[in-house]
C-alpha atoms as a PDB file:
ATOM      1  CA  MET A   1      14.896 -18.545 -22.795  1.00  0.00           C
ATOM      2  CA  SER A   2      13.227 -21.602 -24.308  1.00  0.00           C
ATOM      3  CA  ILE A   3       9.995 -21.569 -26.286  1.00  0.00           C
ATOM      4  CA  ASP A   4       8.491 -23.785 -23.584  1.00  0.00           C
ATOM      5  CA  SER A   5       9.190 -21.072 -21.023  1.00  0.00           C
ATOM      6  CA  LEU A   6       7.468 -18.493 -23.190  1.00  0.00           C
ATOM      7  CA  ASN A   7       4.476 -20.766 -23.684  1.00  0.00           C
ATOM      8  CA  GLU A   8       4.187 -21.295 -19.945  1.00  0.00           C
ATOM      9  CA  PHE A   9       3.264 -17.668 -19.359  1.00  0.00           C
ATOM     10  CA  SER A  10      -0.450 -16.883 -19.292  1.00  0.00           C
ATOM     11  CA  LEU A  11      -2.819 -14.330 -17.824  1.00  0.00           C
ATOM     12  CA  ASP A  12      -3.230 -16.751 -14.927  1.00  0.00           C
ATOM     13  CA  PHE A  13       0.063 -15.319 -13.678  1.00  0.00           C
ATOM     14  CA  PHE A  14      -1.992 -12.282 -12.582  1.00  0.00           C
ATOM     15  CA  SER A  15      -4.539 -14.362 -10.683  1.00  0.00           C
ATOM     16  CA  LEU A  16      -4.602 -14.197  -6.886  1.00  0.00           C
ATOM     17  CA  HIS A  17      -7.158 -16.942  -6.343  1.00  0.00           C
ATOM     18  CA  GLY A  18      -6.502 -18.780  -3.092  1.00  0.00           C
ATOM     19  CA  LYS A  19      -4.285 -15.990  -1.737  1.00  0.00           C
ATOM     20  CA  THR A  20      -4.865 -13.896   1.372  1.00  0.00           C
ATOM     21  CA  ALA A  21      -3.963 -10.221   1.548  1.00  0.00           C
ATOM     22  CA  ILE A  22      -3.721  -7.849   4.502  1.00  0.00           C
ATOM     23  CA  VAL A  23      -4.338  -4.205   3.555  1.00  0.00           C
ATOM     24  CA  SER A  24      -3.823  -1.810   6.464  1.00  0.00           C
ATOM     25  CA  GLY A  25      -6.356   1.011   6.310  1.00  0.00           C
ATOM     26  CA  GLY A  26      -7.921  -0.861   3.399  1.00  0.00           C
ATOM     27  CA  ASN A  27     -11.464   0.395   3.918  1.00  0.00           C
ATOM     28  CA  THR A  28     -10.822   4.089   3.213  1.00  0.00           C
ATOM     29  CA  GLY A  29      -9.282   6.260   0.500  1.00  0.00           C
ATOM     30  CA  LEU A  30      -6.728   4.664  -1.795  1.00  0.00           C
ATOM     31  CA  GLY A  31      -6.623   1.640   0.494  1.00  0.00           C
ATOM     32  CA  GLN A  32     -10.156   0.776  -0.520  1.00  0.00           C
ATOM     33  CA  ALA A  33      -9.057   0.696  -4.173  1.00  0.00           C
ATOM     34  CA  PHE A  34      -6.127  -1.571  -3.278  1.00  0.00           C
ATOM     35  CA  SER A  35      -8.461  -3.926  -1.416  1.00  0.00           C
ATOM     36  CA  MET A  36     -10.887  -4.009  -4.336  1.00  0.00           C
ATOM     37  CA  ALA A  37      -8.105  -4.671  -6.852  1.00  0.00           C
ATOM     38  CA  LEU A  38      -6.826  -7.641  -4.869  1.00  0.00           C
ATOM     39  CA  ALA A  39     -10.356  -8.970  -4.390  1.00  0.00           C
ATOM     40  CA  LYS A  40     -11.139  -8.683  -8.098  1.00  0.00           C
ATOM     41  CA  ALA A  41      -8.005 -10.752  -8.759  1.00  0.00           C
ATOM     42  CA  GLY A  42      -9.338 -13.402  -6.380  1.00  0.00           C
ATOM     43  CA  ALA A  43      -7.639 -12.759  -3.026  1.00  0.00           C
ATOM     44  CA  ASN A  44      -9.350 -12.903   0.345  1.00  0.00           C
ATOM     45  CA  ILE A  45      -8.914  -9.611   2.180  1.00  0.00           C
ATOM     46  CA  PHE A  46      -8.113  -8.876   5.832  1.00  0.00           C
ATOM     47  CA  ILE A  47      -8.335  -5.191   6.774  1.00  0.00           C
ATOM     48  CA  PRO A  48      -6.982  -3.768  10.034  1.00  0.00           C
ATOM     49  CA  GLY A  49      -8.234  -0.220  10.433  1.00  0.00           C
ATOM     50  CA  LEU A  50      -8.901   2.470  12.984  1.00  0.00           C
ATOM     51  CA  THR A  51     -12.368   3.394  11.721  1.00  0.00           C
ATOM     52  CA  ASP A  52     -15.179   0.950  11.041  1.00  0.00           C
ATOM     53  CA  ASP A  53     -17.241   1.861   7.973  1.00  0.00           C
ATOM     54  CA  GLY A  54     -20.202  -0.213   9.081  1.00  0.00           C
ATOM     55  CA  GLY A  55     -19.317  -3.150   6.890  1.00  0.00           C
ATOM     56  CA  GLU A  56     -19.609  -1.232   3.615  1.00  0.00           C
ATOM     57  CA  THR A  57     -16.172  -2.226   2.303  1.00  0.00           C
ATOM     58  CA  LYS A  58     -16.523  -5.815   3.497  1.00  0.00           C
ATOM     59  CA  ALA A  59     -19.810  -6.156   1.616  1.00  0.00           C
ATOM     60  CA  MET A  60     -18.328  -4.553  -1.504  1.00  0.00           C
ATOM     61  CA  LEU A  61     -15.387  -6.963  -1.475  1.00  0.00           C
ATOM     62  CA  GLU A  62     -17.502 -10.047  -0.873  1.00  0.00           C
ATOM     63  CA  LYS A  63     -19.544  -9.212  -3.964  1.00  0.00           C
ATOM     64  CA  GLN A  64     -16.365 -10.134  -5.867  1.00  0.00           C
ATOM     65  CA  GLY A  65     -16.767 -13.725  -4.664  1.00  0.00           C
ATOM     66  CA  VAL A  66     -14.058 -13.601  -1.991  1.00  0.00           C
ATOM     67  CA  SER A  67     -14.076 -13.523   1.798  1.00  0.00           C
ATOM     68  CA  ALA A  68     -13.261 -10.326   3.686  1.00  0.00           C
ATOM     69  CA  GLU A  69     -12.676  -9.513   7.332  1.00  0.00           C
ATOM     70  CA  PHE A  70     -12.337  -6.169   9.132  1.00  0.00           C
ATOM     71  CA  MET A  71     -10.457  -5.778  12.409  1.00  0.00           C
ATOM     72  CA  GLN A  72     -10.902  -2.478  14.240  1.00  0.00           C
ATOM     73  CA  ILE A  73      -7.521  -1.757  15.789  1.00  0.00           C
ATOM     74  CA  ASP A  74      -4.935   0.972  16.251  1.00  0.00           C
ATOM     75  CA  ILE A  75      -1.933  -0.533  14.475  1.00  0.00           C
ATOM     76  CA  THR A  76       0.401   1.767  16.428  1.00  0.00           C
ATOM     77  CA  ALA A  77      -0.650   0.268  19.781  1.00  0.00           C
ATOM     78  CA  LYS A  78       1.805  -2.026  21.540  1.00  0.00           C
ATOM     79  CA  GLY A  79       1.432  -5.558  20.239  1.00  0.00           C
ATOM     80  CA  ALA A  80      -1.131  -4.553  17.596  1.00  0.00           C
ATOM     81  CA  PRO A  81       0.868  -5.533  14.465  1.00  0.00           C
ATOM     82  CA  GLN A  82       1.538  -9.008  15.860  1.00  0.00           C
ATOM     83  CA  ALA A  83      -2.151  -9.307  16.779  1.00  0.00           C
ATOM     84  CA  VAL A  84      -3.149  -8.365  13.216  1.00  0.00           C
ATOM     85  CA  ILE A  85      -0.977 -11.069  11.648  1.00  0.00           C
ATOM     86  CA  ALA A  86      -2.205 -13.634  14.187  1.00  0.00           C
ATOM     87  CA  ALA A  87      -5.862 -12.734  13.579  1.00  0.00           C
ATOM     88  CA  CYS A  88      -5.442 -12.966   9.808  1.00  0.00           C
ATOM     89  CA  CYS A  89      -3.804 -16.393  10.107  1.00  0.00           C
ATOM     90  CA  GLU A  90      -6.551 -17.574  12.444  1.00  0.00           C
ATOM     91  CA  ARG A  91      -9.224 -16.452   9.966  1.00  0.00           C
ATOM     92  CA  PHE A  92      -7.594 -17.445   6.673  1.00  0.00           C
ATOM     93  CA  GLY A  93      -4.762 -19.796   7.620  1.00  0.00           C
ATOM     94  CA  THR A  94      -1.888 -17.593   6.431  1.00  0.00           C
ATOM     95  CA  VAL A  95      -0.888 -14.289   4.879  1.00  0.00           C
ATOM     96  CA  ASP A  96       0.427 -14.242   1.311  1.00  0.00           C
ATOM     97  CA  ILE A  97       0.368 -10.497   0.626  1.00  0.00           C
ATOM     98  CA  LEU A  98       0.907  -7.572   2.975  1.00  0.00           C
ATOM     99  CA  VAL A  99       0.031  -4.068   1.802  1.00  0.00           C
ATOM    100  CA  ASN A 100       1.322  -1.366   4.148  1.00  0.00           C
ATOM    101  CA  ASN A 101      -1.152   1.292   3.125  1.00  0.00           C
ATOM    102  CA  ALA A 102      -2.206   3.047   6.344  1.00  0.00           C
ATOM    103  CA  GLY A 103      -0.888   6.587   6.516  1.00  0.00           C
ATOM    104  CA  ILE A 104      -1.656  10.029   7.892  1.00  0.00           C
ATOM    105  CA  CYS A 105      -0.517  13.531   6.994  1.00  0.00           C
ATOM    106  CA  HIS A 106      -0.577  16.632   9.190  1.00  0.00           C
ATOM    107  CA  LEU A 107       0.277  20.048   7.748  1.00  0.00           C
ATOM    108  CA  ASN A 108       1.909  22.882   9.635  1.00  0.00           C
ATOM    109  CA  SER A 109       4.473  25.604   9.058  1.00  0.00           C
ATOM    110  CA  VAL A 110       8.063  24.699   9.888  1.00  0.00           C
ATOM    111  CA  LEU A 111       8.331  26.567  13.193  1.00  0.00           C
ATOM    112  CA  ASP A 112       4.938  25.279  14.327  1.00  0.00           C
ATOM    113  CA  PHE A 113       5.626  21.698  13.321  1.00  0.00           C
ATOM    114  CA  ASN A 114       6.460  19.953  16.581  1.00  0.00           C
ATOM    115  CA  ARG A 115       6.669  16.477  18.089  1.00  0.00           C
ATOM    116  CA  GLN A 116       2.890  16.339  18.411  1.00  0.00           C
ATOM    117  CA  ASP A 117       2.765  16.549  14.614  1.00  0.00           C
ATOM    118  CA  TRP A 118       5.846  14.414  13.964  1.00  0.00           C
ATOM    119  CA  ASP A 119       5.406  11.386  16.234  1.00  0.00           C
ATOM    120  CA  PRO A 120       1.981  10.129  15.068  1.00  0.00           C
ATOM    121  CA  MET A 121       3.061  10.181  11.417  1.00  0.00           C
ATOM    122  CA  VAL A 122       6.247   8.250  12.143  1.00  0.00           C
ATOM    123  CA  ASP A 123       4.251   5.749  14.210  1.00  0.00           C
ATOM    124  CA  VAL A 124       1.591   5.116  11.533  1.00  0.00           C
ATOM    125  CA  ASN A 125       3.463   5.657   8.273  1.00  0.00           C
ATOM    126  CA  LEU A 126       6.740   3.973   9.121  1.00  0.00           C
ATOM    127  CA  THR A 127       6.936   2.067  12.407  1.00  0.00           C
ATOM    128  CA  ALA A 128       3.644   0.204  11.913  1.00  0.00           C
ATOM    129  CA  ALA A 129       4.727  -0.756   8.390  1.00  0.00           C
ATOM    130  CA  PHE A 130       7.991  -2.136   9.782  1.00  0.00           C
ATOM    131  CA  GLU A 131       6.290  -4.111  12.546  1.00  0.00           C
ATOM    132  CA  LEU A 132       3.620  -5.575  10.271  1.00  0.00           C
ATOM    133  CA  SER A 133       6.314  -6.565   7.766  1.00  0.00           C
ATOM    134  CA  TYR A 134       8.441  -8.118  10.501  1.00  0.00           C
ATOM    135  CA  HIS A 135       5.634 -10.347  11.742  1.00  0.00           C
ATOM    136  CA  ALA A 136       4.421 -11.153   8.229  1.00  0.00           C
ATOM    137  CA  ALA A 137       7.959 -12.197   7.263  1.00  0.00           C
ATOM    138  CA  LYS A 138       7.912 -14.741  10.080  1.00  0.00           C
ATOM    139  CA  ILE A 139       5.011 -16.418   8.297  1.00  0.00           C
ATOM    140  CA  MET A 140       6.363 -16.007   4.773  1.00  0.00           C
ATOM    141  CA  ILE A 141       9.974 -17.162   5.267  1.00  0.00           C
ATOM    142  CA  PRO A 142       9.190 -20.796   6.222  1.00  0.00           C
ATOM    143  CA  ARG A 143       6.771 -20.993   3.278  1.00  0.00           C
ATOM    144  CA  ARG A 144       9.364 -19.399   0.956  1.00  0.00           C
ATOM    145  CA  SER A 145       6.704 -17.247  -0.622  1.00  0.00           C
ATOM    146  CA  GLY A 146       5.184 -13.826  -0.102  1.00  0.00           C
ATOM    147  CA  LYS A 147       4.673 -10.273  -1.269  1.00  0.00           C
ATOM    148  CA  ILE A 148       5.136  -7.109   0.771  1.00  0.00           C
ATOM    149  CA  ILE A 149       3.969  -3.899  -0.904  1.00  0.00           C
ATOM    150  CA  ASN A 150       4.657  -0.550   0.758  1.00  0.00           C
ATOM    151  CA  ILE A 151       2.554   2.433  -0.262  1.00  0.00           C
ATOM    152  CA  CYS A 152       5.022   5.234  -0.776  1.00  0.00           C
ATOM    153  CA  SER A 153       4.353   8.565  -2.520  1.00  0.00           C
ATOM    154  CA  VAL A 154       5.753  11.023  -5.024  1.00  0.00           C
ATOM    155  CA  LEU A 155       6.852  12.742  -1.799  1.00  0.00           C
ATOM    156  CA  SER A 156       9.245   9.820  -1.426  1.00  0.00           C
ATOM    157  CA  TYR A 157      11.287  11.671  -4.062  1.00  0.00           C
ATOM    158  CA  ILE A 158      10.575  15.382  -3.587  1.00  0.00           C
ATOM    159  CA  ASP A 159      10.143  17.812  -0.717  1.00  0.00           C
ATOM    160  CA  GLY A 160       7.069  17.854   1.477  1.00  0.00           C
ATOM    161  CA  GLN A 161       6.417  21.501   2.178  1.00  0.00           C
ATOM    162  CA  ARG A 162       4.488  22.007   5.437  1.00  0.00           C
ATOM    163  CA  SER A 163       4.788  18.313   6.266  1.00  0.00           C
ATOM    164  CA  PRO A 164       8.394  17.282   6.871  1.00  0.00           C
ATOM    165  CA  ALA A 165       7.297  14.167   8.744  1.00  0.00           C
ATOM    166  CA  TYR A 166       5.168  12.880   5.867  1.00  0.00           C
ATOM    167  CA  SER A 167       7.961  13.405   3.366  1.00  0.00           C
ATOM    168  CA  ALA A 168      10.510  11.882   5.755  1.00  0.00           C
ATOM    169  CA  THR A 169       8.426   8.764   6.382  1.00  0.00           C
ATOM    170  CA  LYS A 170       7.694   8.270   2.683  1.00  0.00           C
ATOM    171  CA  HIS A 171      11.377   8.662   1.814  1.00  0.00           C
ATOM    172  CA  ALA A 172      12.157   6.166   4.568  1.00  0.00           C
ATOM    173  CA  LEU A 173       9.657   3.652   3.200  1.00  0.00           C
ATOM    174  CA  VAL A 174      11.653   3.500  -0.032  1.00  0.00           C
ATOM    175  CA  GLY A 175      14.806   2.684   1.932  1.00  0.00           C
ATOM    176  CA  PHE A 176      12.924   0.147   4.019  1.00  0.00           C
ATOM    177  CA  THR A 177      11.579  -1.486   0.847  1.00  0.00           C
ATOM    178  CA  LYS A 178      15.098  -1.902  -0.541  1.00  0.00           C
ATOM    179  CA  SER A 179      16.507  -3.187   2.742  1.00  0.00           C
ATOM    180  CA  TYR A 180      13.802  -5.817   3.257  1.00  0.00           C
ATOM    181  CA  CYS A 181      13.988  -6.826  -0.412  1.00  0.00           C
ATOM    182  CA  ASP A 182      17.711  -7.458  -0.157  1.00  0.00           C
ATOM    183  CA  GLU A 183      17.318  -9.848   2.739  1.00  0.00           C
ATOM    184  CA  LEU A 184      14.016 -11.540   1.894  1.00  0.00           C
ATOM    185  CA  ALA A 185      14.585 -12.203  -1.815  1.00  0.00           C
ATOM    186  CA  GLN A 186      16.476 -15.400  -0.987  1.00  0.00           C
ATOM    187  CA  TYR A 187      13.212 -16.761   0.445  1.00  0.00           C
ATOM    188  CA  ASN A 188      11.218 -15.957  -2.705  1.00  0.00           C
ATOM    189  CA  ILE A 189       9.596 -12.969  -1.002  1.00  0.00           C
ATOM    190  CA  GLN A 190       9.257  -9.866  -3.152  1.00  0.00           C
ATOM    191  CA  VAL A 191       9.230  -6.466  -1.438  1.00  0.00           C
ATOM    192  CA  ASN A 192       8.166  -3.530  -3.590  1.00  0.00           C
ATOM    193  CA  GLY A 193       6.348  -0.223  -3.355  1.00  0.00           C
ATOM    194  CA  ILE A 194       3.777   1.894  -5.138  1.00  0.00           C
ATOM    195  CA  ALA A 195       4.151   5.671  -5.198  1.00  0.00           C
ATOM    196  CA  PRO A 196       0.861   7.415  -6.012  1.00  0.00           C
ATOM    197  CA  GLY A 197       0.861  10.998  -7.205  1.00  0.00           C
ATOM    198  CA  TYR A 198      -2.023  13.434  -6.768  1.00  0.00           C
ATOM    199  CA  TYR A 199      -5.367  11.633  -6.601  1.00  0.00           C
ATOM    200  CA  SER A 200      -8.973  12.682  -6.401  1.00  0.00           C
ATOM    201  CA  THR A 201      -9.899  11.511  -2.894  1.00  0.00           C
ATOM    202  CA  ASN A 202     -11.603  12.931   0.182  1.00  0.00           C
ATOM    203  CA  ILE A 203      -8.174  13.938   1.533  1.00  0.00           C
ATOM    204  CA  THR A 204      -7.481  16.157  -1.495  1.00  0.00           C
ATOM    205  CA  ARG A 205     -11.006  17.572  -1.726  1.00  0.00           C
ATOM    206  CA  ILE A 206     -10.063  20.931  -0.186  1.00  0.00           C
ATOM    207  CA  ALA A 207      -6.936  21.250  -2.332  1.00  0.00           C
ATOM    208  CA  ARG A 208      -8.945  20.487  -5.473  1.00  0.00           C
ATOM    209  CA  SER A 209     -11.507  23.109  -4.513  1.00  0.00           C
ATOM    210  CA  LYS A 210      -8.864  25.871  -4.459  1.00  0.00           C
ATOM    211  CA  ALA A 211      -8.335  27.182  -7.978  1.00  0.00           C
ATOM    212  CA  LYS A 212      -4.660  28.063  -7.470  1.00  0.00           C
ATOM    213  CA  THR A 213      -3.739  24.686  -5.958  1.00  0.00           C
ATOM    214  CA  HIS A 214      -5.806  22.789  -8.499  1.00  0.00           C
ATOM    215  CA  ARG A 215      -4.088  24.613 -11.357  1.00  0.00           C
ATOM    216  CA  TRP A 216      -0.618  24.083  -9.869  1.00  0.00           C
ATOM    217  CA  VAL A 217      -1.200  20.323  -9.667  1.00  0.00           C
ATOM    218  CA  LEU A 218      -2.502  20.081 -13.229  1.00  0.00           C
ATOM    219  CA  ASP A 219       0.393  22.173 -14.539  1.00  0.00           C
ATOM    220  CA  HIS A 220       2.770  19.549 -13.108  1.00  0.00           C
ATOM    221  CA  ILE A 221       0.962  16.482 -14.476  1.00  0.00           C
ATOM    222  CA  PRO A 222       1.511  15.710 -18.168  1.00  0.00           C
ATOM    223  CA  ALA A 223      -1.704  13.629 -18.122  1.00  0.00           C
ATOM    224  CA  ASN A 224      -3.475  16.904 -17.194  1.00  0.00           C
ATOM    225  CA  ARG A 225      -5.791  15.340 -14.624  1.00  0.00           C
ATOM    226  CA  TRP A 226      -5.861  14.207 -11.023  1.00  0.00           C
ATOM    227  CA  GLY A 227      -5.532  10.468 -10.650  1.00  0.00           C
ATOM    228  CA  ASP A 228      -8.563   8.261 -10.164  1.00  0.00           C
ATOM    229  CA  LYS A 229      -8.360   5.436  -7.641  1.00  0.00           C
ATOM    230  CA  GLN A 230      -8.814   2.843 -10.357  1.00  0.00           C
ATOM    231  CA  ASP A 231      -5.546   4.057 -11.916  1.00  0.00           C
ATOM    232  CA  LEU A 232      -3.720   2.284  -9.082  1.00  0.00           C
ATOM    233  CA  MET A 233      -5.529  -1.031  -9.219  1.00  0.00           C
ATOM    234  CA  GLY A 234      -3.542  -2.610 -12.047  1.00  0.00           C
ATOM    235  CA  ALA A 235      -0.236  -1.756 -10.379  1.00  0.00           C
ATOM    236  CA  MET A 236      -1.397  -3.439  -7.174  1.00  0.00           C
ATOM    237  CA  ILE A 237      -2.526  -6.621  -8.924  1.00  0.00           C
ATOM    238  CA  PHE A 238       0.751  -6.821 -10.846  1.00  0.00           C
ATOM    239  CA  LEU A 239       3.040  -6.449  -7.824  1.00  0.00           C
ATOM    240  CA  ALA A 240       0.947  -8.875  -5.755  1.00  0.00           C
ATOM    241  CA  SER A 241       0.925 -11.554  -8.444  1.00  0.00           C
ATOM    242  CA  ARG A 242       3.194 -14.243  -9.837  1.00  0.00           C
ATOM    243  CA  ALA A 243       3.770 -11.962 -12.833  1.00  0.00           C
ATOM    244  CA  ALA A 244       6.037  -9.857 -10.590  1.00  0.00           C
ATOM    245  CA  ASP A 245       8.090 -12.708  -9.102  1.00  0.00           C
ATOM    246  CA  TYR A 246      11.305 -11.185 -10.478  1.00  0.00           C
ATOM    247  CA  VAL A 247      10.450  -7.601  -9.536  1.00  0.00           C
ATOM    248  CA  ASN A 248      12.098  -6.772  -6.234  1.00  0.00           C
ATOM    249  CA  GLY A 249      13.080  -3.591  -4.409  1.00  0.00           C
ATOM    250  CA  HIS A 250      11.249  -1.461  -6.970  1.00  0.00           C
ATOM    251  CA  VAL A 251       8.877   1.430  -6.314  1.00  0.00           C
ATOM    252  CA  LEU A 252       6.336   1.764  -9.116  1.00  0.00           C
ATOM    253  CA  VAL A 253       5.371   5.429  -9.518  1.00  0.00           C
ATOM    254  CA  VAL A 254       1.778   5.960 -10.663  1.00  0.00           C
ATOM    255  CA  ASP A 255       1.527   9.721 -10.980  1.00  0.00           C
ATOM    256  CA  GLY A 256       0.415  10.643 -14.511  1.00  0.00           C
ATOM    257  CA  GLY A 257       3.968  11.842 -15.162  1.00  0.00           C
ATOM    258  CA  PHE A 258       4.166  14.310 -12.251  1.00  0.00           C
ATOM    259  CA  LEU A 259       7.798  13.553 -11.425  1.00  0.00           C
ATOM    260  CA  VAL A 260       9.038  14.295 -14.948  1.00  0.00           C
ATOM    261  CA  ARG A 261       8.139  17.951 -14.428  1.00  0.00           C
END
């Protein structure tokens, strides 16, 4: 590597100014943190989501000096993923970054876990991610540029007691990430994932309130704390930016060390 190449690198490599990002479910939970991270780096944000938060997230994002748009839609409905990509392109001209964040988790004992539990999780967590990626790739390939970031989980690597569908879909997202990476890399499209561990969110509020569960989680995290949403923001900016142009097919685990125990 030449000295000129080293001198070329700057913190501007992390800038997303002029980019447009789609973040599915980006107005709730961890998705909101992903949207904010991308906005702080300069990207315009398009959020397809099932539940409208009354414009709260849109206003929060626009305070960062970017434009934001919310589209209330069920991304599992027939034709919805294609409609999302089309609406984003109509509003912002293109899509540079796709974050497949939307996900649901239902818990039930093994013998009570049936198709009514299984099907919705496969539809949201996996099939919608595939369809959004497929239609986004149609935009990215001719431009020979793009980032697809799949939100996986530590349950992409370990068992998912009481939720086989969640664990199965998160394992599958890792395989999907590698498969799409292998084919899209030739077009300068990077496909990666982020695997969060245990985070302090509304979804984990009940678990955190139970002393036994709370203690079990902390005993398995070397950092000795639940993750905060801001802990994920740097990882998102990195993978969405030029700084990660040679990172492909990788799932970045952000879990405080949970998987080492």
